[in-house]
Amino acid sequence: MPYAYLFAAIICEVVATSALKAADGFSRLWPSLVVIVGYSLAFYFLSLTLRTIPVGIAYALWSGIGIVLIALAGWLFYRQSLDIPAIIGMALILAGVLVINLFSRTTGH
């Protein structure tokens, strides 16, 4: 269950961060509310994750996966370009996430 909580935290954070651009400095009500609710839920689910997964591992997974998903959301929804170095960097981040999950004994599973 902790990985389901972590996944929920990541998705909530990605939604909130994506809405942050649309909130335009918190000048637009509905996107601003999505940001507030999204980040609140993200931290709630992260707190549940931290009951069993070490904070360093949970945060590494959250940030690594989040970076890639936010970059993809920016590309899909805001037409922000991704050049070759950005794609290579994200591939390396995903490789790091895989190494942590597949080979680390500190992940709590």
PDB file of N, CA and C in Angstrom:
ATOM      1  N   MET A   1       0.793  -1.209   0.000  1.00  0.00           N
ATOM      2  CA  MET A   1       0.000   0.000   0.000  1.00  0.00           C
ATOM      3  C   MET A   1       0.841   1.284   0.000  1.00  0.00           C
ATOM      4  N   PRO A   2       2.051   1.281   0.579  1.00  0.00           N
ATOM      5  CA  PRO A   2       2.810   2.537   0.573  1.00  0.00           C
ATOM      6  C   PRO A   2       3.143   3.024  -0.836  1.00  0.00           C
ATOM      7  N   TYR A   3       3.341   2.122  -1.769  1.00  0.00           N
ATOM      8  CA  TYR A   3       3.634   2.562  -3.132  1.00  0.00           C
ATOM      9  C   TYR A   3       2.397   3.118  -3.818  1.00  0.00           C
ATOM     10  N   ALA A   4       1.221   2.643  -3.449  1.00  0.00           N
ATOM     11  CA  ALA A   4      -0.015   3.240  -3.966  1.00  0.00           C
ATOM     12  C   ALA A   4      -0.160   4.667  -3.438  1.00  0.00           C
ATOM     13  N   TYR A   5       0.175   4.874  -2.161  1.00  0.00           N
ATOM     14  CA  TYR A   5       0.148   6.220  -1.594  1.00  0.00           C
ATOM     15  C   TYR A   5       1.170   7.118  -2.286  1.00  0.00           C
ATOM     16  N   LEU A   6       2.346   6.585  -2.538  1.00  0.00           N
ATOM     17  CA  LEU A   6       3.381   7.367  -3.205  1.00  0.00           C
ATOM     18  C   LEU A   6       2.942   7.732  -4.619  1.00  0.00           C
ATOM     19  N   PHE A   7       2.348   6.793  -5.324  1.00  0.00           N
ATOM     20  CA  PHE A   7       1.855   7.062  -6.668  1.00  0.00           C
ATOM     21  C   PHE A   7       0.781   8.157  -6.626  1.00  0.00           C
ATOM     22  N   ALA A   8      -0.136   8.062  -5.660  1.00  0.00           N
ATOM     23  CA  ALA A   8      -1.176   9.089  -5.514  1.00  0.00           C
ATOM     24  C   ALA A   8      -0.546  10.452  -5.220  1.00  0.00           C
ATOM     25  N   ALA A   9       0.483  10.473  -4.365  1.00  0.00           N
ATOM     26  CA  ALA A   9       1.165  11.725  -4.036  1.00  0.00           C
ATOM     27  C   ALA A   9       1.799  12.334  -5.281  1.00  0.00           C
ATOM     28  N   ILE A  10       2.437  11.505  -6.077  1.00  0.00           N
ATOM     29  CA  ILE A  10       3.097  11.991  -7.292  1.00  0.00           C
ATOM     30  C   ILE A  10       2.073  12.557  -8.266  1.00  0.00           C
ATOM     31  N   ILE A  11       0.971  11.842  -8.482  1.00  0.00           N
ATOM     32  CA  ILE A  11      -0.055  12.298  -9.420  1.00  0.00           C
ATOM     33  C   ILE A  11      -0.663  13.622  -8.941  1.00  0.00           C
ATOM     34  N   CYS A  12      -0.965  13.715  -7.646  1.00  0.00           N
ATOM     35  CA  CYS A  12      -1.523  14.965  -7.101  1.00  0.00           C
ATOM     36  C   CYS A  12      -0.551  16.121  -7.270  1.00  0.00           C
ATOM     37  N   GLU A  13       0.730  15.857  -7.054  1.00  0.00           N
ATOM     38  CA  GLU A  13       1.740  16.902  -7.205  1.00  0.00           C
ATOM     39  C   GLU A  13       1.880  17.332  -8.659  1.00  0.00           C
ATOM     40  N   VAL A  14       1.813  16.398  -9.582  1.00  0.00           N
ATOM     41  CA  VAL A  14       1.916  16.722 -11.002  1.00  0.00           C
ATOM     42  C   VAL A  14       0.710  17.557 -11.444  1.00  0.00           C
ATOM     43  N   VAL A  15      -0.476  17.172 -10.990  1.00  0.00           N
ATOM     44  CA  VAL A  15      -1.679  17.943 -11.326  1.00  0.00           C
ATOM     45  C   VAL A  15      -1.564  19.357 -10.757  1.00  0.00           C
ATOM     46  N   ALA A  16      -1.146  19.462  -9.491  1.00  0.00           N
ATOM     47  CA  ALA A  16      -1.027  20.775  -8.851  1.00  0.00           C
ATOM     48  C   ALA A  16       0.011  21.646  -9.545  1.00  0.00           C
ATOM     49  N   THR A  17       1.152  21.075  -9.876  1.00  0.00           N
ATOM     50  CA  THR A  17       2.210  21.851 -10.525  1.00  0.00           C
ATOM     51  C   THR A  17       1.790  22.275 -11.920  1.00  0.00           C
ATOM     52  N   SER A  18       1.094  21.404 -12.635  1.00  0.00           N
ATOM     53  CA  SER A  18       0.584  21.766 -13.961  1.00  0.00           C
ATOM     54  C   SER A  18      -0.422  22.906 -13.859  1.00  0.00           C
ATOM     55  N   ALA A  19      -1.271  22.868 -12.843  1.00  0.00           N
ATOM     56  CA  ALA A  19      -2.267  23.924 -12.653  1.00  0.00           C
ATOM     57  C   ALA A  19      -1.624  25.229 -12.191  1.00  0.00           C
ATOM     58  N   LEU A  20      -0.444  25.142 -11.593  1.00  0.00           N
ATOM     59  CA  LEU A  20       0.243  26.341 -11.114  1.00  0.00           C
ATOM     60  C   LEU A  20       0.497  27.327 -12.256  1.00  0.00           C
ATOM     61  N   LYS A  21       0.852  26.817 -13.410  1.00  0.00           N
ATOM     62  CA  LYS A  21       1.055  27.703 -14.565  1.00  0.00           C
ATOM     63  C   LYS A  21      -0.258  28.351 -14.964  1.00  0.00           C
ATOM     64  N   ALA A  22      -1.325  27.563 -14.995  1.00  0.00           N
ATOM     65  CA  ALA A  22      -2.636  28.099 -15.375  1.00  0.00           C
ATOM     66  C   ALA A  22      -3.184  29.071 -14.329  1.00  0.00           C
ATOM     67  N   ALA A  23      -2.753  28.937 -13.070  1.00  0.00           N
ATOM     68  CA  ALA A  23      -3.234  29.823 -12.002  1.00  0.00           C
ATOM     69  C   ALA A  23      -2.729  31.252 -12.188  1.00  0.00           C
ATOM     70  N   ASP A  24      -1.670  31.409 -12.974  1.00  0.00           N
ATOM     71  CA  ASP A  24      -1.145  32.733 -13.322  1.00  0.00           C
ATOM     72  C   ASP A  24      -0.912  33.591 -12.083  1.00  0.00           C
ATOM     73  N   GLY A  25      -0.033  33.100 -11.210  1.00  0.00           N
ATOM     74  CA  GLY A  25       0.291  33.850  -9.994  1.00  0.00           C
ATOM     75  C   GLY A  25      -0.871  33.909  -9.019  1.00  0.00           C
ATOM     76  N   PHE A  26      -1.672  32.884  -9.000  1.00  0.00           N
ATOM     77  CA  PHE A  26      -2.868  32.792  -8.154  1.00  0.00           C
ATOM     78  C   PHE A  26      -3.883  33.889  -8.468  1.00  0.00           C
ATOM     79  N   SER A  27      -3.912  34.345  -9.709  1.00  0.00           N
ATOM     80  CA  SER A  27      -4.880  35.359 -10.110  1.00  0.00           C
ATOM     81  C   SER A  27      -6.143  34.745 -10.726  1.00  0.00           C
ATOM     82  N   ARG A  28      -6.126  33.437 -10.964  1.00  0.00           N
ATOM     83  CA  ARG A  28      -7.298  32.737 -11.526  1.00  0.00           C
ATOM     84  C   ARG A  28      -7.792  31.733 -10.496  1.00  0.00           C
ATOM     85  N   LEU A  29      -9.077  31.824 -10.157  1.00  0.00           N
ATOM     86  CA  LEU A  29      -9.644  31.081  -9.035  1.00  0.00           C
ATOM     87  C   LEU A  29      -9.549  29.570  -9.192  1.00  0.00           C
ATOM     88  N   TRP A  30     -10.115  29.013 -10.243  1.00  0.00           N
ATOM     89  CA  TRP A  30     -10.210  27.546 -10.329  1.00  0.00           C
ATOM     90  C   TRP A  30      -8.850  26.859 -10.427  1.00  0.00           C
ATOM     91  N   PRO A  31      -7.964  27.335 -11.277  1.00  0.00           N
ATOM     92  CA  PRO A  31      -6.630  26.708 -11.263  1.00  0.00           C
ATOM     93  C   PRO A  31      -5.935  26.865  -9.910  1.00  0.00           C
ATOM     94  N   SER A  32      -6.149  28.004  -9.245  1.00  0.00           N
ATOM     95  CA  SER A  32      -5.546  28.211  -7.920  1.00  0.00           C
ATOM     96  C   SER A  32      -6.070  27.195  -6.916  1.00  0.00           C
ATOM     97  N   LEU A  33      -7.359  26.918  -6.979  1.00  0.00           N
ATOM     98  CA  LEU A  33      -7.942  25.910  -6.082  1.00  0.00           C
ATOM     99  C   LEU A  33      -7.391  24.519  -6.377  1.00  0.00           C
ATOM    100  N   VAL A  34      -7.188  24.214  -7.657  1.00  0.00           N
ATOM    101  CA  VAL A  34      -6.588  22.924  -8.028  1.00  0.00           C
ATOM    102  C   VAL A  34      -5.182  22.824  -7.440  1.00  0.00           C
ATOM    103  N   VAL A  35      -4.431  23.910  -7.478  1.00  0.00           N
ATOM    104  CA  VAL A  35      -3.076  23.926  -6.912  1.00  0.00           C
ATOM    105  C   VAL A  35      -3.129  23.638  -5.413  1.00  0.00           C
ATOM    106  N   ILE A  36      -3.977  24.343  -4.701  1.00  0.00           N
ATOM    107  CA  ILE A  36      -4.053  24.200  -3.243  1.00  0.00           C
ATOM    108  C   ILE A  36      -4.498  22.800  -2.846  1.00  0.00           C
ATOM    109  N   VAL A  37      -5.552  22.302  -3.474  1.00  0.00           N
ATOM    110  CA  VAL A  37      -6.054  20.963  -3.153  1.00  0.00           C
ATOM    111  C   VAL A  37      -5.044  19.905  -3.581  1.00  0.00           C
ATOM    112  N   GLY A  38      -4.463  20.072  -4.765  1.00  0.00           N
ATOM    113  CA  GLY A  38      -3.496  19.096  -5.267  1.00  0.00           C
ATOM    114  C   GLY A  38      -2.282  18.950  -4.378  1.00  0.00           C
ATOM    115  N   TYR A  39      -1.690  20.077  -3.979  1.00  0.00           N
ATOM    116  CA  TYR A  39      -0.518  20.008  -3.100  1.00  0.00           C
ATOM    117  C   TYR A  39      -0.889  19.482  -1.713  1.00  0.00           C
ATOM    118  N   SER A  40      -2.064  19.856  -1.217  1.00  0.00           N
ATOM    119  CA  SER A  40      -2.504  19.341   0.091  1.00  0.00           C
ATOM    120  C   SER A  40      -2.631  17.822   0.054  1.00  0.00           C
ATOM    121  N   LEU A  41      -3.270  17.309  -0.987  1.00  0.00           N
ATOM    122  CA  LEU A  41      -3.406  15.856  -1.119  1.00  0.00           C
ATOM    123  C   LEU A  41      -2.053  15.188  -1.336  1.00  0.00           C
ATOM    124  N   ALA A  42      -1.191  15.828  -2.110  1.00  0.00           N
ATOM    125  CA  ALA A  42       0.132  15.253  -2.370  1.00  0.00           C
ATOM    126  C   ALA A  42       0.902  15.075  -1.065  1.00  0.00           C
ATOM    127  N   PHE A  43       0.907  16.091  -0.224  1.00  0.00           N
ATOM    128  CA  PHE A  43       1.636  15.973   1.037  1.00  0.00           C
ATOM    129  C   PHE A  43       0.960  15.019   2.007  1.00  0.00           C
ATOM    130  N   TYR A  44      -0.363  14.940   1.954  1.00  0.00           N
ATOM    131  CA  TYR A  44      -1.061  13.962   2.793  1.00  0.00           C
ATOM    132  C   TYR A  44      -0.652  12.542   2.393  1.00  0.00           C
ATOM    133  N   PHE A  45      -0.711  12.243   1.090  1.00  0.00           N
ATOM    134  CA  PHE A  45      -0.343  10.899   0.641  1.00  0.00           C
ATOM    135  C   PHE A  45       1.139  10.617   0.867  1.00  0.00           C
ATOM    136  N   LEU A  46       1.983  11.630   0.719  1.00  0.00           N
ATOM    137  CA  LEU A  46       3.397  11.427   1.013  1.00  0.00           C
ATOM    138  C   LEU A  46       3.588  11.097   2.491  1.00  0.00           C
ATOM    139  N   SER A  47       2.839  11.738   3.364  1.00  0.00           N
ATOM    140  CA  SER A  47       2.967  11.450   4.799  1.00  0.00           C
ATOM    141  C   SER A  47       2.584  10.003   5.101  1.00  0.00           C
ATOM    142  N   LEU A  48       1.601   9.479   4.390  1.00  0.00           N
ATOM    143  CA  LEU A  48       1.227   8.071   4.576  1.00  0.00           C
ATOM    144  C   LEU A  48       2.330   7.148   4.072  1.00  0.00           C
ATOM    145  N   THR A  49       2.961   7.541   2.987  1.00  0.00           N
ATOM    146  CA  THR A  49       4.067   6.773   2.422  1.00  0.00           C
ATOM    147  C   THR A  49       5.218   6.653   3.411  1.00  0.00           C
ATOM    148  N   LEU A  50       5.474   7.753   4.128  1.00  0.00           N
ATOM    149  CA  LEU A  50       6.639   7.804   5.015  1.00  0.00           C
ATOM    150  C   LEU A  50       6.486   6.939   6.264  1.00  0.00           C
ATOM    151  N   ARG A  51       5.332   6.332   6.447  1.00  0.00           N
ATOM    152  CA  ARG A  51       5.172   5.383   7.551  1.00  0.00           C
ATOM    153  C   ARG A  51       6.039   4.152   7.351  1.00  0.00           C
ATOM    154  N   THR A  52       6.287   3.798   6.091  1.00  0.00           N
ATOM    155  CA  THR A  52       7.033   2.559   5.825  1.00  0.00           C
ATOM    156  C   THR A  52       8.235   2.730   4.899  1.00  0.00           C
ATOM    157  N   ILE A  53       8.239   3.737   4.055  1.00  0.00           N
ATOM    158  CA  ILE A  53       9.357   3.938   3.128  1.00  0.00           C
ATOM    159  C   ILE A  53      10.242   5.045   3.690  1.00  0.00           C
ATOM    160  N   PRO A  54      11.544   4.848   3.755  1.00  0.00           N
ATOM    161  CA  PRO A  54      12.446   5.888   4.261  1.00  0.00           C
ATOM    162  C   PRO A  54      12.285   7.199   3.481  1.00  0.00           C
ATOM    163  N   VAL A  55      12.398   8.313   4.187  1.00  0.00           N
ATOM    164  CA  VAL A  55      12.136   9.618   3.594  1.00  0.00           C
ATOM    165  C   VAL A  55      13.034   9.902   2.384  1.00  0.00           C
ATOM    166  N   GLY A  56      14.295   9.539   2.449  1.00  0.00           N
ATOM    167  CA  GLY A  56      15.203   9.785   1.324  1.00  0.00           C
ATOM    168  C   GLY A  56      14.796   9.032   0.071  1.00  0.00           C
ATOM    169  N   ILE A  57      14.399   7.794   0.250  1.00  0.00           N
ATOM    170  CA  ILE A  57      13.971   6.972  -0.891  1.00  0.00           C
ATOM    171  C   ILE A  57      12.653   7.493  -1.444  1.00  0.00           C
ATOM    172  N   ALA A  58      11.695   7.770  -0.560  1.00  0.00           N
ATOM    173  CA  ALA A  58      10.385   8.266  -1.004  1.00  0.00           C
ATOM    174  C   ALA A  58      10.549   9.577  -1.769  1.00  0.00           C
ATOM    175  N   TYR A  59      11.385  10.469  -1.239  1.00  0.00           N
ATOM    176  CA  TYR A  59      11.561  11.759  -1.893  1.00  0.00           C
ATOM    177  C   TYR A  59      12.302  11.612  -3.220  1.00  0.00           C
ATOM    178  N   ALA A  60      13.255  10.720  -3.280  1.00  0.00           N
ATOM    179  CA  ALA A  60      13.969  10.486  -4.537  1.00  0.00           C
ATOM    180  C   ALA A  60      13.006   9.981  -5.611  1.00  0.00           C
ATOM    181  N   LEU A  61      12.141   9.056  -5.226  1.00  0.00           N
ATOM    182  CA  LEU A  61      11.168   8.533  -6.184  1.00  0.00           C
ATOM    183  C   LEU A  61      10.167   9.614  -6.580  1.00  0.00           C
ATOM    184  N   TRP A  62       9.640  10.318  -5.581  1.00  0.00           N
ATOM    185  CA  TRP A  62       8.664  11.386  -5.842  1.00  0.00           C
ATOM    186  C   TRP A  62       9.255  12.425  -6.808  1.00  0.00           C
ATOM    187  N   SER A  63      10.434  12.926  -6.478  1.00  0.00           N
ATOM    188  CA  SER A  63      11.002  13.996  -7.289  1.00  0.00           C
ATOM    189  C   SER A  63      11.421  13.503  -8.670  1.00  0.00           C
ATOM    190  N   GLY A  64      12.010  12.321  -8.738  1.00  0.00           N
ATOM    191  CA  GLY A  64      12.458  11.796 -10.030  1.00  0.00           C
ATOM    192  C   GLY A  64      11.307  11.544 -10.985  1.00  0.00           C
ATOM    193  N   ILE A  65      10.310  10.835 -10.506  1.00  0.00           N
ATOM    194  CA  ILE A  65       9.148  10.548 -11.353  1.00  0.00           C
ATOM    195  C   ILE A  65       8.385  11.838 -11.642  1.00  0.00           C
ATOM    196  N   GLY A  66       8.277  12.693 -10.623  1.00  0.00           N
ATOM    197  CA  GLY A  66       7.576  13.965 -10.805  1.00  0.00           C
ATOM    198  C   GLY A  66       8.220  14.843 -11.857  1.00  0.00           C
ATOM    199  N   ILE A  67       9.544  14.916 -11.864  1.00  0.00           N
ATOM    200  CA  ILE A  67      10.255  15.725 -12.863  1.00  0.00           C
ATOM    201  C   ILE A  67       9.902  15.265 -14.270  1.00  0.00           C
ATOM    202  N   VAL A  68       9.940  13.974 -14.484  1.00  0.00           N
ATOM    203  CA  VAL A  68       9.650  13.437 -15.814  1.00  0.00           C
ATOM    204  C   VAL A  68       8.201  13.702 -16.194  1.00  0.00           C
ATOM    205  N   LEU A  69       7.269  13.456 -15.270  1.00  0.00           N
ATOM    206  CA  LEU A  69       5.848  13.664 -15.589  1.00  0.00           C
ATOM    207  C   LEU A  69       5.525  15.139 -15.808  1.00  0.00           C
ATOM    208  N   ILE A  70       6.134  16.024 -15.032  1.00  0.00           N
ATOM    209  CA  ILE A  70       5.903  17.465 -15.227  1.00  0.00           C
ATOM    210  C   ILE A  70       6.450  17.913 -16.580  1.00  0.00           C
ATOM    211  N   ALA A  71       7.617  17.419 -16.947  1.00  0.00           N
ATOM    212  CA  ALA A  71       8.177  17.779 -18.254  1.00  0.00           C
ATOM    213  C   ALA A  71       7.263  17.286 -19.381  1.00  0.00           C
ATOM    214  N   LEU A  72       6.735  16.082 -19.221  1.00  0.00           N
ATOM    215  CA  LEU A  72       5.811  15.557 -20.237  1.00  0.00           C
ATOM    216  C   LEU A  72       4.508  16.349 -20.268  1.00  0.00           C
ATOM    217  N   ALA A  73       4.000  16.743 -19.101  1.00  0.00           N
ATOM    218  CA  ALA A  73       2.781  17.560 -19.049  1.00  0.00           C
ATOM    219  C   ALA A  73       3.024  18.912 -19.713  1.00  0.00           C
ATOM    220  N   GLY A  74       4.170  19.521 -19.458  1.00  0.00           N
ATOM    221  CA  GLY A  74       4.504  20.786 -20.104  1.00  0.00           C
ATOM    222  C   GLY A  74       4.568  20.646 -21.609  1.00  0.00           C
ATOM    223  N   TRP A  75       5.102  19.546 -22.054  1.00  0.00           N
ATOM    224  CA  TRP A  75       5.204  19.277 -23.491  1.00  0.00           C
ATOM    225  C   TRP A  75       3.817  19.067 -24.095  1.00  0.00           C
ATOM    226  N   LEU A  76       2.978  18.279 -23.413  1.00  0.00           N
ATOM    227  CA  LEU A  76       1.641  17.962 -23.943  1.00  0.00           C
ATOM    228  C   LEU A  76       0.669  19.136 -23.856  1.00  0.00           C
ATOM    229  N   PHE A  77       0.616  19.790 -22.701  1.00  0.00           N
ATOM    230  CA  PHE A  77      -0.431  20.781 -22.466  1.00  0.00           C
ATOM    231  C   PHE A  77      -0.017  22.222 -22.733  1.00  0.00           C
ATOM    232  N   TYR A  78       1.265  22.519 -22.588  1.00  0.00           N
ATOM    233  CA  TYR A  78       1.729  23.898 -22.759  1.00  0.00           C
ATOM    234  C   TYR A  78       2.666  24.052 -23.953  1.00  0.00           C
ATOM    235  N   ARG A  79       2.829  22.989 -24.712  1.00  0.00           N
ATOM    236  CA  ARG A  79       3.667  23.002 -25.923  1.00  0.00           C
ATOM    237  C   ARG A  79       5.097  23.463 -25.650  1.00  0.00           C
ATOM    238  N   GLN A  80       5.619  23.086 -24.496  1.00  0.00           N
ATOM    239  CA  GLN A  80       6.998  23.406 -24.153  1.00  0.00           C
ATOM    240  C   GLN A  80       7.900  22.336 -24.767  1.00  0.00           C
ATOM    241  N   SER A  81       8.923  22.767 -25.453  1.00  0.00           N
ATOM    242  CA  SER A  81       9.765  21.818 -26.177  1.00  0.00           C
ATOM    243  C   SER A  81      10.722  21.085 -25.243  1.00  0.00           C
ATOM    244  N   LEU A  82      11.066  19.896 -25.648  1.00  0.00           N
ATOM    245  CA  LEU A  82      12.065  19.090 -24.954  1.00  0.00           C
ATOM    246  C   LEU A  82      13.168  18.776 -25.957  1.00  0.00           C
ATOM    247  N   ASP A  83      14.379  19.270 -25.686  1.00  0.00           N
ATOM    248  CA  ASP A  83      15.485  18.982 -26.590  1.00  0.00           C
ATOM    249  C   ASP A  83      16.163  17.671 -26.185  1.00  0.00           C
ATOM    250  N   ILE A  84      17.121  17.265 -26.962  1.00  0.00           N
ATOM    251  CA  ILE A  84      17.806  15.989 -26.735  1.00  0.00           C
ATOM    252  C   ILE A  84      18.459  15.927 -25.347  1.00  0.00           C
ATOM    253  N   PRO A  85      19.179  16.974 -24.896  1.00  0.00           N
ATOM    254  CA  PRO A  85      19.748  16.893 -23.550  1.00  0.00           C
ATOM    255  C   PRO A  85      18.676  16.720 -22.463  1.00  0.00           C
ATOM    256  N   ALA A  86      17.526  17.367 -22.616  1.00  0.00           N
ATOM    257  CA  ALA A  86      16.448  17.215 -21.628  1.00  0.00           C
ATOM    258  C   ALA A  86      15.928  15.780 -21.627  1.00  0.00           C
ATOM    259  N   ILE A  87      15.760  15.209 -22.796  1.00  0.00           N
ATOM    260  CA  ILE A  87      15.266  13.831 -22.899  1.00  0.00           C
ATOM    261  C   ILE A  87      16.286  12.857 -22.315  1.00  0.00           C
ATOM    262  N   ILE A  88      17.561  13.068 -22.606  1.00  0.00           N
ATOM    263  CA  ILE A  88      18.608  12.210 -22.043  1.00  0.00           C
ATOM    264  C   ILE A  88      18.634  12.338 -20.524  1.00  0.00           C
ATOM    265  N   GLY A  89      18.529  13.561 -20.022  1.00  0.00           N
ATOM    266  CA  GLY A  89      18.508  13.785 -18.576  1.00  0.00           C
ATOM    267  C   GLY A  89      17.339  13.076 -17.913  1.00  0.00           C
ATOM    268  N   MET A  90      16.170  13.156 -18.526  1.00  0.00           N
ATOM    269  CA  MET A  90      15.003  12.468 -17.961  1.00  0.00           C
ATOM    270  C   MET A  90      15.173  10.950 -18.016  1.00  0.00           C
ATOM    271  N   ALA A  91      15.793  10.458 -19.063  1.00  0.00           N
ATOM    272  CA  ALA A  91      16.064   9.017 -19.140  1.00  0.00           C
ATOM    273  C   ALA A  91      17.003   8.590 -18.011  1.00  0.00           C
ATOM    274  N   LEU A  92      17.993   9.416 -17.715  1.00  0.00           N
ATOM    275  CA  LEU A  92      18.910   9.110 -16.610  1.00  0.00           C
ATOM    276  C   LEU A  92      18.187   9.154 -15.265  1.00  0.00           C
ATOM    277  N   ILE A  93      17.263  10.104 -15.103  1.00  0.00           N
ATOM    278  CA  ILE A  93      16.469  10.164 -13.876  1.00  0.00           C
ATOM    279  C   ILE A  93      15.637   8.897 -13.726  1.00  0.00           C
ATOM    280  N   LEU A  94      14.982   8.480 -14.806  1.00  0.00           N
ATOM    281  CA  LEU A  94      14.196   7.242 -14.755  1.00  0.00           C
ATOM    282  C   LEU A  94      15.074   6.035 -14.467  1.00  0.00           C
ATOM    283  N   ALA A  95      16.277   6.029 -15.022  1.00  0.00           N
ATOM    284  CA  ALA A  95      17.205   4.935 -14.728  1.00  0.00           C
ATOM    285  C   ALA A  95      17.545   4.919 -13.245  1.00  0.00           C
ATOM    286  N   GLY A  96      17.743   6.080 -12.654  1.00  0.00           N
ATOM    287  CA  GLY A  96      18.016   6.163 -11.217  1.00  0.00           C
ATOM    288  C   GLY A  96      16.852   5.651 -10.391  1.00  0.00           C
ATOM    289  N   VAL A  97      15.638   5.999 -10.779  1.00  0.00           N
ATOM    290  CA  VAL A  97      14.443   5.506 -10.089  1.00  0.00           C
ATOM    291  C   VAL A  97      14.379   3.984 -10.174  1.00  0.00           C
ATOM    292  N   LEU A  98      14.671   3.439 -11.339  1.00  0.00           N
ATOM    293  CA  LEU A  98      14.664   1.983 -11.495  1.00  0.00           C
ATOM    294  C   LEU A  98      15.738   1.322 -10.639  1.00  0.00           C
ATOM    295  N   VAL A  99      16.929   1.895 -10.599  1.00  0.00           N
ATOM    296  CA  VAL A  99      18.006   1.331  -9.777  1.00  0.00           C
ATOM    297  C   VAL A  99      17.588   1.308  -8.308  1.00  0.00           C
ATOM    298  N   ILE A 100      17.010   2.411  -7.832  1.00  0.00           N
ATOM    299  CA  ILE A 100      16.551   2.464  -6.445  1.00  0.00           C
ATOM    300  C   ILE A 100      15.528   1.371  -6.177  1.00  0.00           C
ATOM    301  N   ASN A 101      14.553   1.243  -7.058  1.00  0.00           N
ATOM    302  CA  ASN A 101      13.478   0.272  -6.832  1.00  0.00           C
ATOM    303  C   ASN A 101      13.913  -1.171  -6.998  1.00  0.00           C
ATOM    304  N   LEU A 102      14.788  -1.433  -7.924  1.00  0.00           N
ATOM    305  CA  LEU A 102      15.159  -2.813  -8.216  1.00  0.00           C
ATOM    306  C   LEU A 102      16.309  -3.321  -7.353  1.00  0.00           C
ATOM    307  N   PHE A 103      17.215  -2.446  -6.937  1.00  0.00           N
ATOM    308  CA  PHE A 103      18.430  -2.926  -6.296  1.00  0.00           C
ATOM    309  C   PHE A 103      18.669  -2.450  -4.859  1.00  0.00           C
ATOM    310  N   SER A 104      17.968  -1.409  -4.444  1.00  0.00           N
ATOM    311  CA  SER A 104      18.202  -0.889  -3.094  1.00  0.00           C
ATOM    312  C   SER A 104      17.467  -1.713  -2.056  1.00  0.00           C
ATOM    313  N   ARG A 105      18.140  -1.998  -0.960  1.00  0.00           N
ATOM    314  CA  ARG A 105      17.502  -2.718   0.147  1.00  0.00           C
ATOM    315  C   ARG A 105      16.830  -1.763   1.119  1.00  0.00           C
ATOM    316  N   THR A 106      16.922  -0.469   0.868  1.00  0.00           N
ATOM    317  CA  THR A 106      16.357   0.523   1.784  1.00  0.00           C
ATOM    318  C   THR A 106      14.974   1.006   1.379  1.00  0.00           C
ATOM    319  N   THR A 107      14.382   0.407   0.351  1.00  0.00           N
ATOM    320  CA  THR A 107      13.100   0.905  -0.162  1.00  0.00           C
ATOM    321  C   THR A 107      11.905   0.470   0.666  1.00  0.00           C
ATOM    322  N   GLY A 108      12.052  -0.395   1.589  1.00  0.00           N
ATOM    323  CA  GLY A 108      10.937  -0.787   2.438  1.00  0.00           C
ATOM    324  C   GLY A 108      10.074  -1.892   1.876  1.00  0.00           C
ATOM    325  N   HIS A 109      10.524  -2.566   0.831  1.00  0.00           N
ATOM    326  CA  HIS A 109       9.726  -3.681   0.289  1.00  0.00           C
ATOM    327  C   HIS A 109      10.545  -4.936   0.170  1.00  0.00           C
TER     328      HIS A 109
END
